[in-house]
Amino acid sequence: MSETPVLDTVAAITAASIEEFNAPPAALLLIRLAALVAVDAPEVSYVAHIGPSVDAGITIDDVQNVLVAVAPIVGTPRVMSAAAKITAALGFVILVAEAELEAELEAEEDGLA
């Protein structure tokens, strides 16, 4: 048995979903975003979708359009909760990227010194 059976299972389910989905990757990610909003998903779920969404060319306008589209179905509290969680997730990803960049710059400076 793996040391990460839950993560392995989630990865396998996600891979199967992607394999069977017959539309552009951006469509899959926008649909998944709508589902995350509907279930009031935690921030970490949004973090997991940021990289693939950027790679698929999804913009902030696209995300806002999804929030507008699902608002009548899921309600204002879920949409506002999602907006806050998406903002926090983006902030977290930016902080991680900045830390990685700083570490790379320090490593380069140490190599030149």
Protein backbone atom coordinates (compact mmCIF):
# COMPACT_ATOMS: atom_id res chain seq x y z
CA MET A 1 0.00 0.00 0.00
CA SER A 2 1.14 3.50 -0.80
CA GLU A 3 2.13 6.01 1.88
CA THR A 4 -0.41 8.44 0.38
CA PRO A 5 -3.48 6.35 -0.48
CA VAL A 6 -5.93 9.26 -0.33
CA LEU A 7 -3.84 11.50 -2.58
CA ASP A 8 -3.22 8.59 -4.93
CA THR A 9 -6.96 7.92 -5.17
CA VAL A 10 -7.78 11.56 -5.81
CA ALA A 11 -5.07 11.72 -8.48
CA ALA A 12 -6.43 8.57 -10.16
CA ILE A 13 -10.00 9.88 -10.14
CA THR A 14 -8.85 13.22 -11.55
CA ALA A 15 -6.80 11.53 -14.26
CA ALA A 16 -9.78 9.39 -15.28
CA SER A 17 -12.01 12.47 -15.41
CA ILE A 18 -9.53 14.35 -17.61
CA GLU A 19 -9.06 11.33 -19.87
CA GLU A 20 -12.80 10.89 -20.43
CA PHE A 21 -13.63 14.61 -20.83
CA ASN A 22 -14.00 15.51 -24.48
CA ALA A 23 -13.64 19.30 -24.62
CA PRO A 24 -10.85 21.86 -24.26
CA PRO A 25 -8.97 21.86 -20.94
CA ALA A 26 -10.25 25.35 -20.13
CA ALA A 27 -13.84 24.08 -20.28
CA LEU A 28 -13.04 21.28 -17.83
CA LEU A 29 -11.38 23.68 -15.42
CA LEU A 30 -14.23 26.20 -15.55
CA ILE A 31 -16.76 23.43 -14.91
CA ARG A 32 -14.65 22.19 -12.00
CA LEU A 33 -14.50 25.76 -10.67
CA ALA A 34 -18.29 25.92 -10.76
CA ALA A 35 -18.44 22.63 -8.86
CA LEU A 36 -15.96 23.89 -6.25
CA VAL A 37 -18.19 26.93 -5.69
CA ALA A 38 -21.29 24.74 -5.44
CA VAL A 39 -19.81 22.53 -2.71
CA ASP A 40 -18.19 25.44 -0.83
CA ALA A 41 -14.77 23.87 -1.30
CA PRO A 42 -11.82 24.84 0.89
CA GLU A 43 -9.00 27.12 -0.28
CA VAL A 44 -6.67 24.20 -0.96
CA SER A 45 -9.04 22.95 -3.66
CA TYR A 46 -8.73 26.26 -5.47
CA VAL A 47 -4.94 26.24 -5.03
CA ALA A 48 -4.81 22.87 -6.79
CA HIS A 49 -6.54 24.35 -9.84
CA ILE A 50 -4.57 27.59 -10.23
CA GLY A 51 -1.58 26.18 -12.13
CA PRO A 52 -3.65 24.17 -14.63
CA SER A 53 -6.03 27.12 -15.06
CA VAL A 54 -3.18 29.49 -15.87
CA ASP A 55 -1.75 26.91 -18.27
CA ALA A 56 -5.17 26.64 -19.99
CA GLY A 57 -5.36 30.42 -20.42
CA ILE A 58 -8.16 31.02 -17.95
CA THR A 59 -8.34 34.66 -16.89
CA ILE A 60 -9.73 36.47 -13.87
CA ASP A 61 -12.60 37.57 -16.14
CA ASP A 62 -13.35 33.90 -16.85
CA VAL A 63 -13.43 33.15 -13.13
CA GLN A 64 -15.70 36.13 -12.48
CA ASN A 65 -18.02 34.96 -15.26
CA VAL A 66 -18.31 31.54 -13.60
CA LEU A 67 -19.14 33.18 -10.27
CA VAL A 68 -21.80 35.33 -11.95
CA ALA A 69 -23.23 32.30 -13.79
CA VAL A 70 -23.57 30.10 -10.70
CA ALA A 71 -24.78 32.82 -8.32
CA PRO A 72 -28.50 32.30 -9.04
CA ILE A 73 -28.10 28.55 -8.45
CA VAL A 74 -25.80 28.38 -5.42
CA GLY A 75 -26.64 31.73 -3.82
CA THR A 76 -24.78 34.81 -2.69
CA PRO A 77 -23.14 33.26 0.41
CA ARG A 78 -21.47 30.49 -1.60
CA VAL A 79 -20.30 32.91 -4.30
CA MET A 80 -18.87 35.35 -1.75
CA SER A 81 -17.22 32.48 0.12
CA ALA A 82 -15.69 31.22 -3.13
CA ALA A 83 -14.47 34.69 -4.11
CA ALA A 84 -12.71 35.05 -0.75
CA LYS A 85 -11.19 31.57 -1.00
CA ILE A 86 -10.02 32.14 -4.58
CA THR A 87 -8.41 35.41 -3.52
CA ALA A 88 -6.67 33.71 -0.60
CA ALA A 89 -5.55 30.84 -2.84
CA LEU A 90 -4.08 33.26 -5.37
CA GLY A 91 -2.30 35.11 -2.58
CA PHE A 92 -0.84 31.85 -1.28
CA VAL A 93 0.37 30.82 -4.74
CA ILE A 94 1.95 34.23 -5.26
CA LEU A 95 3.75 34.03 -1.90
CA VAL A 96 5.10 30.58 -2.75
CA ALA A 97 6.25 31.77 -6.18
CA GLU A 98 7.97 34.81 -4.65
CA ALA A 99 9.75 32.63 -2.07
CA GLU A 100 10.93 30.25 -4.80
CA LEU A 101 12.18 33.16 -6.90
CA GLU A 102 14.03 34.68 -3.93
CA ALA A 103 15.65 31.32 -3.19
CA GLU A 104 16.76 30.98 -6.80
CA LEU A 105 18.20 34.51 -6.82
CA GLU A 106 20.06 33.86 -3.56
CA ALA A 107 21.45 30.61 -4.96
CA GLU A 108 22.64 32.44 -8.07
CA GLU A 109 24.22 35.19 -5.97
CA ASP A 110 25.95 32.60 -3.80
CA GLY A 111 27.27 30.92 -6.93
CA LEU A 112 28.68 34.19 -8.24
CA ALA A 113 30.26 35.25 -4.96
